[in-house]
Amino acid sequence: MTLAQVMTVNGAIDPEEMGLTLIHEHIMVDWIGADSTGYHRWDKKEIVERALPYLEELKKYGATSFLDCTPAYLGRDPYVLKDLAKRTGLHILTNTGYYGFGNNKYVPKSAMKASPEDIAAIWIEEFRDGIDGSGVRPGFMKISVENEKTLSEMHTKLVKAAALTHLATGMTIVSHTGGDGPAMAQLKVLKDMGVSPKAFVWTHAQNGTMTGYLQAANQGAWISLDNINDRPTNKPDSPGSISWFVKTLLELKDNGILNHILISHDAGWYDVGEKNGGNYRGYTDLFTKLIPQLKENGFTQVDLDVLLKQNPKRAYAIKIRRE
């Protein structure tokens, strides 16, 4: 495969084809744990029908690409995603990797004693051969660590496995992280493994600080602010609120690092085990709430295109990035 392509559930596309992209969303999630989850837990057709109207609504705002960040053993289903991509025409990306947050509840037992090389071999095989016989190849890695300054032995192993997988495949590392401490700890591990921070997406960075954003951006990392929502329960200026996003994005622009920022809702999703999938949250607050307020505060269309078109294609293109 040539460099600088984006891998969707329907195969490789040129990065320029991504267009307006939501970089962190979900179609479904299963919280039961790695030892109990599996395709037997849900009805694929039911999930497709539940999700379809939300994706069709999203398309009306010009979105053309959608990254599903549900990891393996937490409800990832390439068959559901491929069906939705076919029915909507969206470029949908899925992932490989293991999700360590939550005291490793969503990590398979086989990984506990495995080496980073053993784990990486599984992720690399999915990239080369597809997921579970579906023919669907992952377009990025999704891992996660606890929101602590020091990485556990298991989570250090996951980051090392991600580094090895990146060096073999060029897939970007998307890590559920949280605050500044675990972000910097992961960047150190990656650099020690010979991987550039340019291959790393600090996910849920809304839990970090402006100082941390500047440190990460100066190293080349991507900063993902990914919980845009206009829920009434949000306190004014709390991370995720529209006012917080406006204030933060303006400050990031003033600091000259808008070209390192990714934004999304972390929305959806069909909750396996809940009646009709529970409360499904749509993917449009970005367009109906945030963008109008950003424009009122001086954001230009060029700024918006950087966030929603230019940065995603640079961040998620399949390309080996060495330190």
C-alpha atoms as a PDB file:
ATOM      1  CA  MET A   1       0.000   0.000   0.000  1.00  0.00           C
ATOM      2  CA  THR A   2       1.304   3.491  -0.812  1.00  0.00           C
ATOM      3  CA  LEU A   3       1.888   6.089   1.865  1.00  0.00           C
ATOM      4  CA  ALA A   4      -0.536   8.865   2.779  1.00  0.00           C
ATOM      5  CA  GLN A   5      -3.804   7.054   2.263  1.00  0.00           C
ATOM      6  CA  VAL A   6      -6.739   6.906   4.655  1.00  0.00           C
ATOM      7  CA  MET A   7      -8.155   3.467   5.421  1.00  0.00           C
ATOM      8  CA  THR A   8     -11.956   3.304   5.594  1.00  0.00           C
ATOM      9  CA  VAL A   9     -14.226   0.300   6.133  1.00  0.00           C
ATOM     10  CA  ASN A  10     -14.572   0.196   2.341  1.00  0.00           C
ATOM     11  CA  GLY A  11     -10.868   0.403   1.665  1.00  0.00           C
ATOM     12  CA  ALA A  12      -8.238   3.075   1.079  1.00  0.00           C
ATOM     13  CA  ILE A  13      -9.053   6.586  -0.094  1.00  0.00           C
ATOM     14  CA  ASP A  14      -6.909   9.617  -0.770  1.00  0.00           C
ATOM     15  CA  PRO A  15      -6.727  11.966   2.257  1.00  0.00           C
ATOM     16  CA  GLU A  16      -8.245  14.715   0.114  1.00  0.00           C
ATOM     17  CA  GLU A  17     -11.428  12.635  -0.119  1.00  0.00           C
ATOM     18  CA  MET A  18     -12.050  12.824   3.624  1.00  0.00           C
ATOM     19  CA  GLY A  19     -13.609  16.275   3.451  1.00  0.00           C
ATOM     20  CA  LEU A  20     -15.443  17.488   6.545  1.00  0.00           C
ATOM     21  CA  THR A  21     -14.686  14.931   9.230  1.00  0.00           C
ATOM     22  CA  LEU A  22     -15.910  14.075  12.714  1.00  0.00           C
ATOM     23  CA  ILE A  23     -12.896  12.440  14.327  1.00  0.00           C
ATOM     24  CA  HIS A  24     -14.332  10.926  17.510  1.00  0.00           C
ATOM     25  CA  GLU A  25     -17.843   9.452  17.547  1.00  0.00           C
ATOM     26  CA  HIS A  26     -19.532   6.128  18.314  1.00  0.00           C
ATOM     27  CA  ILE A  27     -22.222   3.983  16.720  1.00  0.00           C
ATOM     28  CA  MET A  28     -22.487   1.474  19.566  1.00  0.00           C
ATOM     29  CA  VAL A  29     -20.847   0.532  22.869  1.00  0.00           C
ATOM     30  CA  ASP A  30     -21.043  -2.614  25.015  1.00  0.00           C
ATOM     31  CA  TRP A  31     -19.904  -2.058  28.611  1.00  0.00           C
ATOM     32  CA  ILE A  32     -20.163  -5.650  29.810  1.00  0.00           C
ATOM     33  CA  GLY A  33     -16.418  -6.341  29.619  1.00  0.00           C
ATOM     34  CA  ALA A  34     -13.931  -8.205  27.463  1.00  0.00           C
ATOM     35  CA  ASP A  35     -14.717 -11.594  28.988  1.00  0.00           C
ATOM     36  CA  SER A  36     -18.427 -11.430  28.060  1.00  0.00           C
ATOM     37  CA  THR A  37     -18.850  -9.221  24.995  1.00  0.00           C
ATOM     38  CA  GLY A  38     -19.216 -10.469  21.430  1.00  0.00           C
ATOM     39  CA  TYR A  39     -21.414 -10.387  18.353  1.00  0.00           C
ATOM     40  CA  HIS A  40     -23.965 -12.566  20.157  1.00  0.00           C
ATOM     41  CA  ARG A  41     -24.772  -9.586  22.392  1.00  0.00           C
ATOM     42  CA  TRP A  42     -26.513  -7.432  19.766  1.00  0.00           C
ATOM     43  CA  ASP A  43     -28.725  -7.419  16.694  1.00  0.00           C
ATOM     44  CA  LYS A  44     -26.791  -5.833  13.821  1.00  0.00           C
ATOM     45  CA  LYS A  45     -29.883  -4.836  11.850  1.00  0.00           C
ATOM     46  CA  GLU A  46     -31.449  -3.169  14.876  1.00  0.00           C
ATOM     47  CA  ILE A  47     -28.332  -1.088  15.478  1.00  0.00           C
ATOM     48  CA  VAL A  48     -28.077  -0.039  11.838  1.00  0.00           C
ATOM     49  CA  GLU A  49     -31.690   1.124  11.822  1.00  0.00           C
ATOM     50  CA  ARG A  50     -31.219   3.006  15.109  1.00  0.00           C
ATOM     51  CA  ALA A  51     -28.072   4.801  13.968  1.00  0.00           C
ATOM     52  CA  LEU A  52     -29.044   5.508  10.376  1.00  0.00           C
ATOM     53  CA  PRO A  53     -31.242   8.616  10.928  1.00  0.00           C
ATOM     54  CA  TYR A  54     -28.487  10.287  12.976  1.00  0.00           C
ATOM     55  CA  LEU A  55     -25.914   9.741  10.238  1.00  0.00           C
ATOM     56  CA  GLU A  56     -28.329  10.969   7.567  1.00  0.00           C
ATOM     57  CA  GLU A  57     -28.942  14.088   9.675  1.00  0.00           C
ATOM     58  CA  LEU A  58     -25.175  14.606   9.951  1.00  0.00           C
ATOM     59  CA  LYS A  59     -24.762  14.441   6.176  1.00  0.00           C
ATOM     60  CA  LYS A  60     -27.101  17.427   5.788  1.00  0.00           C
ATOM     61  CA  TYR A  61     -24.397  19.577   7.374  1.00  0.00           C
ATOM     62  CA  GLY A  62     -21.804  18.532   4.819  1.00  0.00           C
ATOM     63  CA  ALA A  63     -19.951  15.855   6.772  1.00  0.00           C
ATOM     64  CA  THR A  64     -18.328  13.231   4.573  1.00  0.00           C
ATOM     65  CA  SER A  65     -16.130  11.220   6.991  1.00  0.00           C
ATOM     66  CA  PHE A  66     -16.804   9.700  10.403  1.00  0.00           C
ATOM     67  CA  LEU A  67     -14.361   7.970  12.753  1.00  0.00           C
ATOM     68  CA  ASP A  68     -15.977   5.341  14.956  1.00  0.00           C
ATOM     69  CA  CYS A  69     -13.833   5.151  18.090  1.00  0.00           C
ATOM     70  CA  THR A  70     -15.429   2.119  19.734  1.00  0.00           C
ATOM     71  CA  PRO A  71     -12.551  -0.289  20.405  1.00  0.00           C
ATOM     72  CA  ALA A  72     -12.326  -4.054  20.200  1.00  0.00           C
ATOM     73  CA  TYR A  73     -13.990  -5.802  23.171  1.00  0.00           C
ATOM     74  CA  LEU A  74     -16.148  -2.718  23.779  1.00  0.00           C
ATOM     75  CA  GLY A  75     -18.634  -3.099  20.951  1.00  0.00           C
ATOM     76  CA  ARG A  76     -16.603  -2.673  17.766  1.00  0.00           C
ATOM     77  CA  ASP A  77     -18.506  -4.232  14.868  1.00  0.00           C
ATOM     78  CA  PRO A  78     -17.026  -3.881  11.373  1.00  0.00           C
ATOM     79  CA  TYR A  79     -20.116  -5.450   9.792  1.00  0.00           C
ATOM     80  CA  VAL A  80     -22.413  -2.771  11.236  1.00  0.00           C
ATOM     81  CA  LEU A  81     -20.038  -0.015  10.147  1.00  0.00           C
ATOM     82  CA  LYS A  82     -19.693  -1.385   6.623  1.00  0.00           C
ATOM     83  CA  ASP A  83     -23.475  -1.565   6.261  1.00  0.00           C
ATOM     84  CA  LEU A  84     -23.866   2.016   7.496  1.00  0.00           C
ATOM     85  CA  ALA A  85     -21.140   3.227   5.140  1.00  0.00           C
ATOM     86  CA  LYS A  86     -22.914   1.556   2.222  1.00  0.00           C
ATOM     87  CA  ARG A  87     -26.293   3.015   3.142  1.00  0.00           C
ATOM     88  CA  THR A  88     -25.096   6.564   3.847  1.00  0.00           C
ATOM     89  CA  GLY A  89     -22.144   7.035   1.507  1.00  0.00           C
ATOM     90  CA  LEU A  90     -20.042   8.289   4.440  1.00  0.00           C
ATOM     91  CA  HIS A  91     -16.371   7.397   4.694  1.00  0.00           C
ATOM     92  CA  ILE A  92     -16.386   5.497   8.007  1.00  0.00           C
ATOM     93  CA  LEU A  93     -13.190   4.455   9.778  1.00  0.00           C
ATOM     94  CA  THR A  94     -12.802   1.831  12.480  1.00  0.00           C
ATOM     95  CA  ASN A  95      -9.824   0.902  14.627  1.00  0.00           C
ATOM     96  CA  THR A  96      -7.605  -1.727  16.168  1.00  0.00           C
ATOM     97  CA  GLY A  97      -6.092  -1.655  19.655  1.00  0.00           C
ATOM     98  CA  TYR A  98      -7.043  -2.344  23.280  1.00  0.00           C
ATOM     99  CA  TYR A  99      -8.792  -0.053  25.757  1.00  0.00           C
ATOM    100  CA  GLY A 100      -7.019  -0.073  29.129  1.00  0.00           C
ATOM    101  CA  PHE A 101      -9.042   2.560  30.984  1.00  0.00           C
ATOM    102  CA  GLY A 102     -11.384   1.144  33.641  1.00  0.00           C
ATOM    103  CA  ASN A 103      -8.863  -1.136  35.353  1.00  0.00           C
ATOM    104  CA  ASN A 104      -8.369  -3.153  32.149  1.00  0.00           C
ATOM    105  CA  LYS A 105     -11.958  -4.444  32.145  1.00  0.00           C
ATOM    106  CA  TYR A 106     -12.026  -4.193  28.348  1.00  0.00           C
ATOM    107  CA  VAL A 107      -8.639  -5.786  27.698  1.00  0.00           C
ATOM    108  CA  PRO A 108      -8.705  -9.509  26.815  1.00  0.00           C
ATOM    109  CA  LYS A 109      -7.091 -11.781  29.390  1.00  0.00           C
ATOM    110  CA  SER A 110      -4.682 -13.052  26.755  1.00  0.00           C
ATOM    111  CA  ALA A 111      -3.059  -9.606  26.674  1.00  0.00           C
ATOM    112  CA  MET A 112      -2.260  -9.478  30.375  1.00  0.00           C
ATOM    113  CA  LYS A 113       0.830 -11.646  30.136  1.00  0.00           C
ATOM    114  CA  ALA A 114       1.585 -10.964  26.473  1.00  0.00           C
ATOM    115  CA  SER A 115       4.556  -8.875  25.396  1.00  0.00           C
ATOM    116  CA  PRO A 116       4.202  -5.607  23.472  1.00  0.00           C
ATOM    117  CA  GLU A 117       5.423  -7.511  20.426  1.00  0.00           C
ATOM    118  CA  ASP A 118       2.738 -10.173  20.858  1.00  0.00           C
ATOM    119  CA  ILE A 119      -0.004  -7.563  21.156  1.00  0.00           C
ATOM    120  CA  ALA A 120       1.311  -5.549  18.223  1.00  0.00           C
ATOM    121  CA  ALA A 121       1.298  -8.676  16.068  1.00  0.00           C
ATOM    122  CA  ILE A 122      -2.482  -8.996  16.565  1.00  0.00           C
ATOM    123  CA  TRP A 123      -3.108  -5.363  15.650  1.00  0.00           C
ATOM    124  CA  ILE A 124      -0.806  -5.546  12.634  1.00  0.00           C
ATOM    125  CA  GLU A 125      -2.568  -8.697  11.429  1.00  0.00           C
ATOM    126  CA  GLU A 126      -5.936  -6.887  11.603  1.00  0.00           C
ATOM    127  CA  PHE A 127      -4.509  -4.067   9.516  1.00  0.00           C
ATOM    128  CA  ARG A 128      -3.101  -6.426   6.908  1.00  0.00           C
ATOM    129  CA  ASP A 129      -5.852  -9.067   6.772  1.00  0.00           C
ATOM    130  CA  GLY A 130      -8.978  -7.379   8.155  1.00  0.00           C
ATOM    131  CA  ILE A 131     -11.055  -7.733  11.322  1.00  0.00           C
ATOM    132  CA  ASP A 132     -12.790 -11.030  12.175  1.00  0.00           C
ATOM    133  CA  GLY A 133     -13.030 -12.209   8.583  1.00  0.00           C
ATOM    134  CA  SER A 134     -15.004  -9.109   7.557  1.00  0.00           C
ATOM    135  CA  GLY A 135     -12.411  -7.807   5.117  1.00  0.00           C
ATOM    136  CA  VAL A 136     -12.659  -4.471   6.952  1.00  0.00           C
ATOM    137  CA  ARG A 137      -9.275  -3.018   7.821  1.00  0.00           C
ATOM    138  CA  PRO A 138      -8.725  -0.565  10.672  1.00  0.00           C
ATOM    139  CA  GLY A 139      -7.778   3.000   9.798  1.00  0.00           C
ATOM    140  CA  PHE A 140      -6.209   3.920  13.140  1.00  0.00           C
ATOM    141  CA  MET A 141      -5.417   2.539  16.589  1.00  0.00           C
ATOM    142  CA  LYS A 142      -7.566   3.184  19.660  1.00  0.00           C
ATOM    143  CA  ILE A 143      -5.942   2.579  23.027  1.00  0.00           C
ATOM    144  CA  SER A 144      -6.533   4.069  26.451  1.00  0.00           C
ATOM    145  CA  VAL A 145      -4.806   4.614  29.775  1.00  0.00           C
ATOM    146  CA  GLU A 146      -5.900   5.745  33.215  1.00  0.00           C
ATOM    147  CA  ASN A 147      -5.885   9.488  33.898  1.00  0.00           C
ATOM    148  CA  GLU A 148      -2.758   9.273  36.052  1.00  0.00           C
ATOM    149  CA  LYS A 149       0.691  10.835  35.676  1.00  0.00           C
ATOM    150  CA  THR A 150       2.453   7.458  35.870  1.00  0.00           C
ATOM    151  CA  LEU A 151       1.502   4.742  33.405  1.00  0.00           C
ATOM    152  CA  SER A 152       0.844   1.281  34.818  1.00  0.00           C
ATOM    153  CA  GLU A 153       2.871  -1.664  33.563  1.00  0.00           C
ATOM    154  CA  MET A 154      -0.080  -2.829  31.454  1.00  0.00           C
ATOM    155  CA  HIS A 155      -0.715   0.579  29.956  1.00  0.00           C
ATOM    156  CA  THR A 156       2.952   1.134  29.214  1.00  0.00           C
ATOM    157  CA  LYS A 157       2.776  -2.170  27.343  1.00  0.00           C
ATOM    158  CA  LEU A 158      -0.224  -0.938  25.326  1.00  0.00           C
ATOM    159  CA  VAL A 159       1.617   2.254  24.343  1.00  0.00           C
ATOM    160  CA  LYS A 160       4.690   0.247  23.337  1.00  0.00           C
ATOM    161  CA  ALA A 161       2.504  -2.112  21.288  1.00  0.00           C
ATOM    162  CA  ALA A 162       0.957   0.916  19.606  1.00  0.00           C
ATOM    163  CA  ALA A 163       4.419   2.267  18.797  1.00  0.00           C
ATOM    164  CA  LEU A 164       5.463  -1.038  17.222  1.00  0.00           C
ATOM    165  CA  THR A 165       2.222  -1.204  15.249  1.00  0.00           C
ATOM    166  CA  HIS A 166       2.668   2.344  13.993  1.00  0.00           C
ATOM    167  CA  LEU A 167       6.197   1.631  12.805  1.00  0.00           C
ATOM    168  CA  ALA A 168       4.888  -1.423  10.917  1.00  0.00           C
ATOM    169  CA  THR A 169       1.699   0.091   9.457  1.00  0.00           C
ATOM    170  CA  GLY A 170       1.717   3.892   9.698  1.00  0.00           C
ATOM    171  CA  MET A 171      -1.613   3.956  11.574  1.00  0.00           C
ATOM    172  CA  THR A 172      -2.160   6.905  13.906  1.00  0.00           C
ATOM    173  CA  ILE A 173      -2.396   6.234  17.651  1.00  0.00           C
ATOM    174  CA  VAL A 174      -5.589   7.596  19.212  1.00  0.00           C
ATOM    175  CA  SER A 175      -5.386   7.298  22.989  1.00  0.00           C
ATOM    176  CA  HIS A 176      -8.152   7.937  25.533  1.00  0.00           C
ATOM    177  CA  THR A 177      -5.967   9.942  27.889  1.00  0.00           C
ATOM    178  CA  GLY A 178      -7.480  12.788  29.898  1.00  0.00           C
ATOM    179  CA  GLY A 179      -5.100  15.180  31.621  1.00  0.00           C
ATOM    180  CA  ASP A 180      -1.616  16.520  30.933  1.00  0.00           C
ATOM    181  CA  GLY A 181       0.253  13.903  33.003  1.00  0.00           C
ATOM    182  CA  PRO A 182      -0.685  10.751  31.089  1.00  0.00           C
ATOM    183  CA  ALA A 183      -0.375  12.614  27.781  1.00  0.00           C
ATOM    184  CA  MET A 184       3.245  13.545  28.484  1.00  0.00           C
ATOM    185  CA  ALA A 185       4.007  10.070  29.849  1.00  0.00           C
ATOM    186  CA  GLN A 186       2.763   8.456  26.639  1.00  0.00           C
ATOM    187  CA  LEU A 187       4.663  10.880  24.437  1.00  0.00           C
ATOM    188  CA  LYS A 188       7.872   9.970  26.273  1.00  0.00           C
ATOM    189  CA  VAL A 189       7.300   6.238  25.725  1.00  0.00           C
ATOM    190  CA  LEU A 190       6.563   6.807  22.037  1.00  0.00           C
ATOM    191  CA  LYS A 191       9.653   8.934  21.495  1.00  0.00           C
ATOM    192  CA  ASP A 192      11.798   6.356  23.321  1.00  0.00           C
ATOM    193  CA  MET A 193      10.366   3.786  20.861  1.00  0.00           C
ATOM    194  CA  GLY A 194      11.314   5.965  17.898  1.00  0.00           C
ATOM    195  CA  VAL A 195       7.801   7.209  17.094  1.00  0.00           C
ATOM    196  CA  SER A 196       7.165  10.895  16.481  1.00  0.00           C
ATOM    197  CA  PRO A 197       4.486  12.669  18.563  1.00  0.00           C
ATOM    198  CA  LYS A 198       2.972  13.560  15.170  1.00  0.00           C
ATOM    199  CA  ALA A 199       1.546  10.011  15.211  1.00  0.00           C
ATOM    200  CA  PHE A 200      -0.269  10.570  18.542  1.00  0.00           C
ATOM    201  CA  VAL A 201      -3.763  11.948  19.235  1.00  0.00           C
ATOM    202  CA  TRP A 202      -4.270  13.089  22.841  1.00  0.00           C
ATOM    203  CA  THR A 203      -7.914  12.093  23.199  1.00  0.00           C
ATOM    204  CA  HIS A 204     -10.274  13.729  25.744  1.00  0.00           C
ATOM    205  CA  ALA A 205      -7.765  16.562  26.070  1.00  0.00           C
ATOM    206  CA  GLN A 206     -10.590  18.763  27.359  1.00  0.00           C
ATOM    207  CA  ASN A 207      -9.443  17.359  30.716  1.00  0.00           C
ATOM    208  CA  GLY A 208      -6.024  18.946  30.214  1.00  0.00           C
ATOM    209  CA  THR A 209      -4.682  22.501  30.430  1.00  0.00           C
ATOM    210  CA  MET A 210      -3.552  25.174  27.996  1.00  0.00           C
ATOM    211  CA  THR A 211       0.010  24.670  29.244  1.00  0.00           C
ATOM    212  CA  GLY A 212      -0.265  20.980  28.361  1.00  0.00           C
ATOM    213  CA  TYR A 213      -1.739  21.751  24.943  1.00  0.00           C
ATOM    214  CA  LEU A 214       1.192  24.019  24.125  1.00  0.00           C
ATOM    215  CA  GLN A 215       3.733  21.426  25.308  1.00  0.00           C
ATOM    216  CA  ALA A 216       2.095  18.671  23.263  1.00  0.00           C
ATOM    217  CA  ALA A 217       1.683  20.809  20.142  1.00  0.00           C
ATOM    218  CA  ASN A 218       5.307  21.958  20.345  1.00  0.00           C
ATOM    219  CA  GLN A 219       6.289  18.286  20.164  1.00  0.00           C
ATOM    220  CA  GLY A 220       4.007  17.771  17.162  1.00  0.00           C
ATOM    221  CA  ALA A 221       1.149  15.878  18.845  1.00  0.00           C
ATOM    222  CA  TRP A 222      -2.545  16.203  18.026  1.00  0.00           C
ATOM    223  CA  ILE A 223      -4.897  17.559  20.697  1.00  0.00           C
ATOM    224  CA  SER A 224      -8.423  16.157  20.513  1.00  0.00           C
ATOM    225  CA  LEU A 225     -11.205  18.156  22.203  1.00  0.00           C
ATOM    226  CA  ASP A 226     -13.981  15.692  21.641  1.00  0.00           C
ATOM    227  CA  ASN A 227     -17.060  16.145  23.795  1.00  0.00           C
ATOM    228  CA  ILE A 228     -18.961  18.997  22.140  1.00  0.00           C
ATOM    229  CA  ASN A 229     -22.453  18.997  23.608  1.00  0.00           C
ATOM    230  CA  ASP A 230     -25.221  21.405  24.512  1.00  0.00           C
ATOM    231  CA  ARG A 231     -26.813  19.351  27.261  1.00  0.00           C
ATOM    232  CA  PRO A 232     -28.745  21.388  29.857  1.00  0.00           C
ATOM    233  CA  THR A 233     -26.812  19.661  32.651  1.00  0.00           C
ATOM    234  CA  ASN A 234     -23.583  21.303  31.502  1.00  0.00           C
ATOM    235  CA  LYS A 235     -22.437  24.094  33.759  1.00  0.00           C
ATOM    236  CA  PRO A 236     -21.378  27.309  31.974  1.00  0.00           C
ATOM    237  CA  ASP A 237     -17.747  27.101  30.866  1.00  0.00           C
ATOM    238  CA  SER A 238     -17.385  23.449  31.950  1.00  0.00           C
ATOM    239  CA  PRO A 239     -15.359  21.328  29.489  1.00  0.00           C
ATOM    240  CA  GLY A 240     -17.723  20.222  26.742  1.00  0.00           C
ATOM    241  CA  SER A 241     -20.045  23.201  26.979  1.00  0.00           C
ATOM    242  CA  ILE A 242     -20.358  25.434  23.938  1.00  0.00           C
ATOM    243  CA  SER A 243     -19.012  28.446  25.847  1.00  0.00           C
ATOM    244  CA  TRP A 244     -15.953  26.447  26.965  1.00  0.00           C
ATOM    245  CA  PHE A 245     -15.237  25.378  23.403  1.00  0.00           C
ATOM    246  CA  VAL A 246     -15.539  28.934  22.085  1.00  0.00           C
ATOM    247  CA  LYS A 247     -13.218  30.305  24.760  1.00  0.00           C
ATOM    248  CA  THR A 248     -10.688  27.476  24.408  1.00  0.00           C
ATOM    249  CA  LEU A 249     -10.576  27.448  20.607  1.00  0.00           C
ATOM    250  CA  LEU A 250     -10.086  31.220  20.530  1.00  0.00           C
ATOM    251  CA  GLU A 251      -7.179  30.875  22.959  1.00  0.00           C
ATOM    252  CA  LEU A 252      -5.670  28.035  20.946  1.00  0.00           C
ATOM    253  CA  LYS A 253      -5.931  30.206  17.823  1.00  0.00           C
ATOM    254  CA  ASP A 254      -4.278  33.117  19.618  1.00  0.00           C
ATOM    255  CA  ASN A 255      -1.455  30.769  20.648  1.00  0.00           C
ATOM    256  CA  GLY A 256      -0.941  29.704  17.040  1.00  0.00           C
ATOM    257  CA  ILE A 257      -1.640  25.995  17.485  1.00  0.00           C
ATOM    258  CA  LEU A 258      -5.023  25.630  15.775  1.00  0.00           C
ATOM    259  CA  ASN A 259      -3.266  23.415  13.239  1.00  0.00           C
ATOM    260  CA  HIS A 260      -2.779  20.789  15.991  1.00  0.00           C
ATOM    261  CA  ILE A 261      -6.393  20.686  17.178  1.00  0.00           C
ATOM    262  CA  LEU A 262      -9.123  18.118  16.420  1.00  0.00           C
ATOM    263  CA  ILE A 263     -12.749  18.487  17.534  1.00  0.00           C
ATOM    264  CA  SER A 264     -15.755  16.153  17.762  1.00  0.00           C
ATOM    265  CA  HIS A 265     -18.759  15.179  19.923  1.00  0.00           C
ATOM    266  CA  ASP A 266     -17.919  11.736  21.365  1.00  0.00           C
ATOM    267  CA  ALA A 267     -21.610  11.174  20.700  1.00  0.00           C
ATOM    268  CA  GLY A 268     -23.990   8.358  19.738  1.00  0.00           C
ATOM    269  CA  TRP A 269     -24.491   5.617  20.751  1.00  0.00           C
ATOM    270  CA  TYR A 270     -26.500   2.420  20.792  1.00  0.00           C
ATOM    271  CA  ASP A 271     -25.936   1.106  24.324  1.00  0.00           C
ATOM    272  CA  VAL A 272     -26.003  -2.691  24.219  1.00  0.00           C
ATOM    273  CA  GLY A 273     -28.251  -4.029  26.968  1.00  0.00           C
ATOM    274  CA  GLU A 274     -30.444  -0.921  27.107  1.00  0.00           C
ATOM    275  CA  LYS A 275     -33.938  -0.938  25.593  1.00  0.00           C
ATOM    276  CA  ASN A 276     -33.688   0.230  21.970  1.00  0.00           C
ATOM    277  CA  GLY A 277     -30.072   1.120  22.675  1.00  0.00           C
ATOM    278  CA  GLY A 278     -30.849   3.748  25.310  1.00  0.00           C
ATOM    279  CA  ASN A 279     -30.527   7.494  24.787  1.00  0.00           C
ATOM    280  CA  TYR A 280     -28.791   8.062  21.451  1.00  0.00           C
ATOM    281  CA  ARG A 281     -27.178  11.517  21.227  1.00  0.00           C
ATOM    282  CA  GLY A 282     -26.869  13.029  17.748  1.00  0.00           C
ATOM    283  CA  TYR A 283     -23.843  14.453  15.978  1.00  0.00           C
ATOM    284  CA  THR A 284     -24.976  17.999  15.107  1.00  0.00           C
ATOM    285  CA  ASP A 285     -24.270  20.323  18.087  1.00  0.00           C
ATOM    286  CA  LEU A 286     -21.005  21.256  16.352  1.00  0.00           C
ATOM    287  CA  PHE A 287     -22.936  22.659  13.407  1.00  0.00           C
ATOM    288  CA  THR A 288     -26.047  24.049  15.087  1.00  0.00           C
ATOM    289  CA  LYS A 289     -24.506  25.436  18.296  1.00  0.00           C
ATOM    290  CA  LEU A 290     -20.722  25.743  18.188  1.00  0.00           C
ATOM    291  CA  ILE A 291     -19.965  27.014  14.686  1.00  0.00           C
ATOM    292  CA  PRO A 292     -22.435  29.943  14.851  1.00  0.00           C
ATOM    293  CA  GLN A 293     -20.888  31.134  18.120  1.00  0.00           C
ATOM    294  CA  LEU A 294     -17.359  30.701  16.803  1.00  0.00           C
ATOM    295  CA  LYS A 295     -18.227  32.862  13.796  1.00  0.00           C
ATOM    296  CA  GLU A 296     -19.731  35.497  16.078  1.00  0.00           C
ATOM    297  CA  ASN A 297     -16.396  35.592  17.896  1.00  0.00           C
ATOM    298  CA  GLY A 298     -14.204  36.076  14.842  1.00  0.00           C
ATOM    299  CA  PHE A 299     -13.584  32.556  13.565  1.00  0.00           C
ATOM    300  CA  THR A 300     -13.302  32.480   9.788  1.00  0.00           C
ATOM    301  CA  GLN A 301     -14.253  29.740   7.356  1.00  0.00           C
ATOM    302  CA  VAL A 302     -10.529  29.152   6.900  1.00  0.00           C
ATOM    303  CA  ASP A 303     -10.206  28.476  10.642  1.00  0.00           C
ATOM    304  CA  LEU A 304     -13.109  26.032  10.530  1.00  0.00           C
ATOM    305  CA  ASP A 305     -11.668  24.258   7.506  1.00  0.00           C
ATOM    306  CA  VAL A 306      -8.376  23.824   9.356  1.00  0.00           C
ATOM    307  CA  LEU A 307     -10.184  22.120  12.252  1.00  0.00           C
ATOM    308  CA  LEU A 308     -12.643  20.025  10.283  1.00  0.00           C
ATOM    309  CA  LYS A 309     -10.918  19.303   6.956  1.00  0.00           C
ATOM    310  CA  GLN A 310      -7.176  20.017   6.949  1.00  0.00           C
ATOM    311  CA  ASN A 311      -6.236  18.623  10.378  1.00  0.00           C
ATOM    312  CA  PRO A 312      -8.137  15.313  10.066  1.00  0.00           C
ATOM    313  CA  LYS A 313      -6.556  14.403   6.745  1.00  0.00           C
ATOM    314  CA  ARG A 314      -3.091  15.225   8.122  1.00  0.00           C
ATOM    315  CA  ALA A 315      -3.669  13.397  11.397  1.00  0.00           C
ATOM    316  CA  TYR A 316      -5.166  10.169  10.034  1.00  0.00           C
ATOM    317  CA  ALA A 317      -3.286   9.587   6.800  1.00  0.00           C
ATOM    318  CA  ILE A 318      -1.483   6.238   6.895  1.00  0.00           C
ATOM    319  CA  LYS A 319       2.126   7.301   7.190  1.00  0.00           C
ATOM    320  CA  ILE A 320       5.024   6.171   9.348  1.00  0.00           C
ATOM    321  CA  ARG A 321       6.205   9.091  11.477  1.00  0.00           C
ATOM    322  CA  ARG A 322       9.574   8.483  13.090  1.00  0.00           C
ATOM    323  CA  GLU A 323      11.099  10.491  15.917  1.00  0.00           C
END
